[in-house]
Protein backbone atom coordinates (compact mmCIF):
# COMPACT_ATOMS: atom_id res chain seq x y z
CA MET A 1 69.02 147.30 45.84
CA ARG A 2 67.96 149.38 42.88
CA VAL A 3 64.60 151.05 43.27
CA GLY A 4 62.55 153.20 40.95
CA HIS A 5 61.46 153.34 37.31
CA VAL A 6 63.65 151.62 34.74
CA SER A 7 63.47 152.91 31.19
CA ALA A 8 66.11 150.73 29.60
CA ARG A 9 67.18 147.16 29.89
CA LEU A 10 69.35 146.77 32.97
CA PRO A 11 72.83 145.24 32.71
CA LEU A 12 72.93 141.87 34.39
CA THR A 13 75.36 142.85 37.13
CA TRP A 14 75.59 141.97 40.79
CA VAL A 15 74.13 144.54 43.15
CA ALA A 16 76.57 145.59 45.88
CA ASP A 17 74.06 146.51 48.58
CA PRO A 18 76.24 147.09 51.67
CA ALA A 19 73.47 146.32 54.17
CA VAL A 20 72.56 142.99 52.56
CA ILE A 21 76.16 141.91 52.06
CA ALA A 22 77.09 142.87 55.63
CA GLY A 23 74.05 141.04 57.05
CA ILE A 24 74.84 137.84 55.15
CA ALA A 25 78.55 138.01 56.02
CA LEU A 26 78.00 138.71 59.72
CA THR A 27 75.43 135.92 60.02
CA ALA A 28 77.73 133.46 58.24
CA CYS A 29 80.70 134.40 60.44
CA ALA A 30 78.68 134.14 63.66
CA TYR A 31 77.24 130.76 62.66
CA ALA A 32 80.67 129.42 61.66
CA ARG A 33 82.27 130.67 64.87
CA GLY A 34 79.58 129.15 67.08
CA LEU A 35 79.59 125.90 65.13
CA GLY A 36 83.37 125.64 65.49
CA ARG A 37 83.13 126.12 69.26
CA LEU A 38 80.28 123.62 69.56
CA TRP A 39 82.05 120.93 67.53
CA ALA A 40 85.31 121.53 69.38
CA ARG A 41 83.48 120.77 72.63
CA ALA A 42 81.02 118.05 71.57
CA GLY A 43 82.64 116.61 68.47
CA ILE A 44 82.01 117.17 64.78
CA GLY A 45 78.42 116.48 63.85
CA HIS A 46 77.12 116.63 67.43
CA GLY A 47 74.60 119.27 68.42
CA VAL A 48 74.31 120.36 64.79
CA ARG A 49 74.77 117.80 62.05
CA ARG A 50 76.88 118.42 58.98
CA GLY A 51 73.81 118.35 56.77
CA GLN A 52 72.17 121.02 58.90
CA ALA A 53 75.24 123.24 58.61
CA ALA A 54 75.21 122.75 54.84
CA SER A 55 71.51 123.69 54.75
CA PHE A 56 72.20 126.93 56.60
CA ALA A 57 75.00 127.80 54.19
CA GLY A 58 72.66 127.05 51.30
CA GLY A 59 69.99 129.31 52.76
CA LEU A 60 72.43 132.22 52.98
CA ALA A 61 73.54 131.53 49.41
CA ILE A 62 69.93 131.67 48.20
CA ILE A 63 69.46 135.00 49.97
CA ALA A 64 72.53 136.27 48.14
CA VAL A 65 71.10 135.07 44.83
CA ALA A 66 67.79 136.80 45.58
CA LEU A 67 69.12 140.10 46.91
CA VAL A 68 72.65 140.58 45.52
CA SER A 69 72.69 138.82 42.14
CA PRO A 70 71.43 140.39 38.88
CA LEU A 71 67.97 139.16 39.88
CA ASP A 72 67.75 142.07 42.33
CA ALA A 73 68.56 144.54 39.56
CA LEU A 74 65.71 143.09 37.51
CA ASP A 75 63.04 143.18 40.19
CA THR A 76 62.20 146.84 39.60
CA ALA A 77 61.85 146.26 35.87
CA LEU A 78 60.01 142.95 35.77
CA PHE A 79 57.28 141.88 38.14
CA SER A 80 58.04 138.27 37.16
CA ALA A 81 61.65 138.69 38.34
CA HIS A 82 60.37 140.23 41.57
CA MET A 83 58.13 137.21 42.06
CA VAL A 84 61.05 134.81 41.61
CA GLN A 85 62.90 136.82 44.23
CA HIS A 86 60.03 136.53 46.70
CA LEU A 87 59.62 132.78 46.17
CA LEU A 88 63.35 132.19 46.65
CA LEU A 89 63.18 133.96 50.00
CA MET A 90 59.96 132.31 51.17
CA LEU A 91 60.14 128.76 49.81
CA VAL A 92 63.87 128.03 49.48
CA ALA A 93 65.98 130.23 51.75
CA ALA A 94 63.63 130.15 54.75
CA PRO A 95 63.28 126.34 55.10
CA LEU A 96 67.01 125.86 54.52
CA LEU A 97 67.84 128.34 57.26
CA VAL A 98 65.38 126.71 59.66
CA ARG A 99 66.81 123.26 58.95
CA GLY A 100 70.24 124.66 59.82
CA ALA A 101 69.19 124.98 63.50
CA PRO A 102 70.71 128.48 63.71
CA LEU A 103 69.88 129.20 67.34
CA VAL A 104 72.43 126.77 68.79
CA PRO A 105 75.50 127.93 66.78
CA LEU A 106 74.56 131.60 67.13
CA LEU A 107 74.36 131.21 70.90
CA TRP A 108 77.69 129.39 70.96
CA ALA A 109 79.20 132.30 69.04
CA LEU A 110 78.72 134.44 72.17
CA PRO A 111 81.15 134.43 75.12
CA PRO A 112 80.18 131.90 77.85
CA SER A 113 79.26 134.64 80.30
CA ARG A 114 76.88 136.20 77.78
CA ARG A 115 75.31 132.83 77.00
CA ARG A 116 74.69 132.20 80.69
CA TRP A 117 73.26 135.68 81.08
CA LEU A 118 70.86 135.15 78.17
CA GLY A 119 69.80 131.73 79.45
CA HIS A 120 69.20 133.04 82.95
CA GLY A 121 67.26 136.02 81.62
CA TRP A 122 65.12 133.89 79.32
CA ARG A 123 64.19 131.49 82.13
CA HIS A 124 63.08 134.36 84.35
CA MET A 125 61.27 136.49 81.74
CA ARG A 126 57.95 134.71 81.80
CA PRO A 127 55.96 137.49 80.07
CA LEU A 128 58.41 137.51 77.15
CA ARG A 129 58.31 133.72 76.92
CA ALA A 130 54.52 133.82 76.93
CA VAL A 131 54.49 136.36 74.09
CA TRP A 132 56.94 134.22 72.10
CA GLU A 133 54.86 131.08 72.64
CA ARG A 134 51.78 132.84 71.33
CA LEU A 135 53.65 134.43 68.42
CA THR A 136 55.03 131.07 67.31
CA HIS A 137 51.76 129.15 67.68
CA PRO A 138 51.06 127.43 64.34
CA VAL A 139 47.72 129.19 63.82
CA VAL A 140 49.25 132.62 64.50
CA VAL A 141 52.25 131.84 62.31
CA TRP A 142 50.02 130.65 59.47
CA CYS A 143 48.00 133.87 59.65
CA LEU A 144 51.13 136.05 59.75
CA ASN A 145 52.45 134.28 56.68
CA VAL A 146 49.20 134.84 54.78
CA VAL A 147 48.94 138.50 55.83
CA ALA A 148 52.55 139.22 54.83
CA LEU A 149 52.07 137.63 51.41
CA TRP A 150 48.78 139.34 50.54
CA VAL A 151 49.55 142.79 52.00
CA TRP A 152 52.84 143.13 50.14
CA HIS A 153 51.17 142.16 46.86
CA LEU A 154 48.46 144.78 47.16
CA PRO A 155 49.06 147.59 44.65
CA ALA A 156 49.76 150.41 47.13
CA PRO A 157 52.35 148.63 49.34
CA TYR A 158 53.96 146.99 46.32
CA ASP A 159 54.35 150.29 44.45
CA ALA A 160 55.72 151.93 47.62
CA ALA A 161 58.34 149.18 47.85
CA LEU A 162 59.41 149.84 44.26
CA ARG A 163 59.72 153.58 44.80
CA HIS A 164 61.42 153.65 48.21
CA ALA A 165 64.45 151.57 49.20
CA PRO A 166 63.60 151.37 52.94
CA VAL A 167 60.11 150.08 52.14
CA HIS A 168 61.63 147.60 49.69
CA ALA A 169 63.95 146.31 52.44
CA LEU A 170 61.02 146.11 54.86
CA GLU A 171 59.05 144.08 52.31
CA HIS A 172 61.79 141.49 52.00
CA ALA A 173 62.34 141.39 55.78
CA CYS A 174 58.62 140.79 56.39
CA LEU A 175 58.34 138.03 53.79
CA LEU A 176 61.50 136.27 54.98
CA GLY A 177 60.65 136.68 58.68
CA ALA A 178 57.10 135.38 58.29
CA SER A 179 58.42 132.43 56.29
CA LEU A 180 61.03 131.59 58.94
CA LEU A 181 58.26 131.42 61.53
CA PHE A 182 56.08 129.35 59.18
CA TRP A 183 58.73 126.73 58.45
CA GLY A 184 59.95 126.80 62.03
CA ALA A 185 56.53 125.71 63.30
CA LEU A 186 56.68 122.78 60.89
CA MET A 187 60.31 121.69 61.01
CA THR A 188 61.66 122.31 64.51
CA THR A 189 62.48 119.33 66.72
CA HIS A 190 59.97 120.45 69.32
CA ARG A 191 56.91 119.65 67.23
CA ARG A 192 54.00 122.04 67.59
CA LEU A 193 51.79 120.25 65.05
CA ALA A 194 50.23 116.81 65.40
CA ARG A 195 50.53 114.28 62.61
CA GLY A 196 47.92 115.06 60.00
CA LEU A 197 47.53 118.66 61.10
CA ASP A 198 50.92 119.44 59.57
CA ILE A 199 49.55 118.32 56.20
CA LEU A 200 46.56 120.64 56.59
CA TYR A 201 48.92 123.43 57.65
CA VAL A 202 51.02 123.07 54.49
CA VAL A 203 48.20 122.42 52.03
CA THR A 204 46.13 125.43 53.10
CA ALA A 205 49.19 127.68 52.88
CA GLY A 206 49.80 126.43 49.37
CA VAL A 207 46.17 126.92 48.38
CA GLN A 208 46.06 130.56 49.46
CA MET A 209 49.29 131.31 47.56
CA SER A 210 47.89 129.57 44.48
CA ILE A 211 44.73 131.69 44.73
CA LEU A 212 46.81 134.87 44.67
CA GLY A 213 48.79 133.52 41.73
CA ALA A 214 45.58 132.70 39.86
CA LEU A 215 44.18 136.18 40.50
CA LEU A 216 47.34 137.74 39.07
CA THR A 217 47.28 135.39 36.09
CA PHE A 218 43.66 135.95 35.09
CA ALA A 219 43.48 139.68 35.90
CA SER A 220 42.17 141.75 33.01
CA ALA A 221 44.40 144.74 33.77
CA PRO A 222 47.81 145.32 35.41
CA TRP A 223 47.76 145.87 39.16
CA TYR A 224 51.03 147.78 39.60
CA PRO A 225 51.49 151.09 37.77
CA ALA A 226 55.05 151.54 39.07
CA GLN A 227 56.12 148.39 37.21
CA GLU A 228 54.83 149.46 33.80
CA THR A 229 57.83 151.54 32.64
CA GLY A 230 60.64 149.01 32.88
CA VAL A 231 58.80 146.09 31.34
CA VAL A 232 58.70 147.68 27.87
CA ALA A 233 62.44 147.16 27.39
CA TRP A 234 61.88 143.42 27.70
CA HIS A 235 59.30 143.32 24.88
CA LEU A 236 56.47 142.47 27.24
CA THR A 237 53.30 144.30 28.07
CA PRO A 238 52.66 145.02 31.76
CA LEU A 239 49.75 142.55 31.70
CA GLU A 240 51.90 139.80 30.16
CA ASP A 241 54.58 140.36 32.79
CA GLN A 242 51.95 140.17 35.53
CA GLN A 243 50.48 136.97 34.06
CA LEU A 244 53.95 135.41 33.96
CA ALA A 245 54.49 136.41 37.60
CA GLY A 246 51.14 134.89 38.53
CA LEU A 247 52.06 131.60 36.87
CA ILE A 248 55.40 131.60 38.70
CA MET A 249 53.61 132.07 42.00
CA TRP A 250 50.90 129.57 41.13
CA VAL A 251 52.70 126.55 39.66
CA PRO A 252 56.20 126.28 41.23
CA SER A 253 54.97 127.23 44.69
CA GLY A 254 52.14 124.72 44.39
CA VAL A 255 54.65 121.99 43.54
CA VAL A 256 56.79 122.91 46.57
CA TYR A 257 53.86 122.79 48.98
CA LEU A 258 52.61 119.56 47.45
CA LEU A 259 56.00 117.89 47.89
CA VAL A 260 56.23 119.06 51.49
CA ALA A 261 52.71 117.80 52.22
CA ALA A 262 53.61 114.45 50.65
CA ALA A 263 56.73 114.26 52.85
CA CYS A 264 54.58 114.95 55.93
CA PHE A 265 52.18 112.19 54.88
CA VAL A 266 55.01 109.69 54.40
CA ALA A 267 56.46 110.63 57.81
CA TRP A 268 53.01 110.10 59.33
CA LEU A 269 52.72 106.62 57.79
CA ARG A 270 56.18 105.67 59.01
CA ALA A 271 55.42 106.91 62.52
CA GLU A 272 52.20 104.87 62.60
CA GLU A 273 54.01 101.79 61.30
CA ALA A 274 56.75 102.16 63.93
CA ALA A 275 54.14 102.61 66.68
CA MET A 276 52.29 99.49 65.52
CA GLN A 277 55.51 97.46 65.53
CA ARG A 278 56.29 98.64 69.07
CA ARG A 279 52.81 97.62 70.24
CA GLU A 280 53.12 94.21 68.61
CA SER A 281 56.56 93.72 70.11
CA ALA A 282 55.34 94.72 73.56
CA GLY A 283 52.35 92.37 73.25
CA GLY A 284 54.59 89.49 72.21
CA ARG A 285 56.93 90.01 75.14
CA SER A 286 54.03 90.04 77.61
CA GLN A 287 52.90 86.60 76.42
CA MET A 288 56.26 84.83 76.11
CA PRO A 289 57.66 83.79 79.53
CA GLY A 290 54.74 83.32 81.88
CA ALA A 291 52.26 82.03 79.37
CA ARG A 292 54.62 79.35 78.03
CA CYS A 293 55.57 78.22 81.52
CA ARG A 294 51.95 77.74 82.46
CA THR A 295 51.02 75.86 79.34
CA THR A 296 54.09 73.65 79.08
CA ARG A 297 54.44 72.70 82.78
CA PRO A 298 54.08 68.87 83.09
CA PRO A 299 51.03 67.63 85.03
CA VAL A 300 51.55 66.79 88.71
CA LEU A 301 50.78 63.18 89.63
CA SER A 302 47.95 62.85 92.11
CA THR A 303 48.50 60.94 95.35
CA GLN A 304 45.15 59.28 94.73
CA HIS A 305 45.68 56.37 92.43
CA SER A 306 43.44 54.18 90.47
CA LYS A 307 43.03 50.51 91.15
CA GLY A 308 46.01 48.57 89.91
CA GLY A 309 48.19 51.67 89.76
CA PRO A 310 51.88 51.80 90.61
CA LEU A 311 51.31 53.15 94.14
CA GLU A 312 49.31 50.18 95.16
């Protein structure tokens, strides 16, 4: 990634960052290898569905767009480009990667002996499991996501990321990692959030991001001195670039969170409707056999007869 002041308009070229390219390639190869082994054993589409595999591939592609495409060359010149980069990592790449169920294929990429060793070790490392359970608790994850977003958009950390490549890489790793935990708490099969609470989880995350976007948009002065040099070549003032970045954070991210919250609400309604149908079906079955037999059984003739009856 290119870091530092930019005094002229950058050529729109792809950035050949060896670390990023190697990380994407190694992850893709490991996932493909594990997925091939899994499908060879269980059958295509079992364990990990085709749509999930496509989502994981899409997530890696979005990371490439954010960190290898010309967008990465622009992020040191334009704060608005840097904001697009962050939102791609947090709101597009992260949920796609989580939906791809990466843990299963990545484990299957290992030799069987290593998989067994990891499984045995994980079952017997109770302190580590306890730490992981606390780290992935929805409240903790939500807080980590908020802290990562706000800290890296404070002037001092942000300027340090622009000036120093290792800090820049750490910034992206923190934002992507916190987002993976955030979407994992919402989307994993083992649900950690009750129906209704998932809507609150998503909406509040969207609100705090919109607040930061609004603060950037309505600020009366630029926040980031290190970004002021490169923006001139794009015929923008530093404040205009910051306002554009604030709008990008405010509006598109708000739409994403709103759509996700709406999807959670629809899933909640469908779950309630299915539960009601099961209850009605169970109630109907409990009344069918016994109740009908008792009500439709013909009356038994009494041995006591009335005068003039047939038994006389």
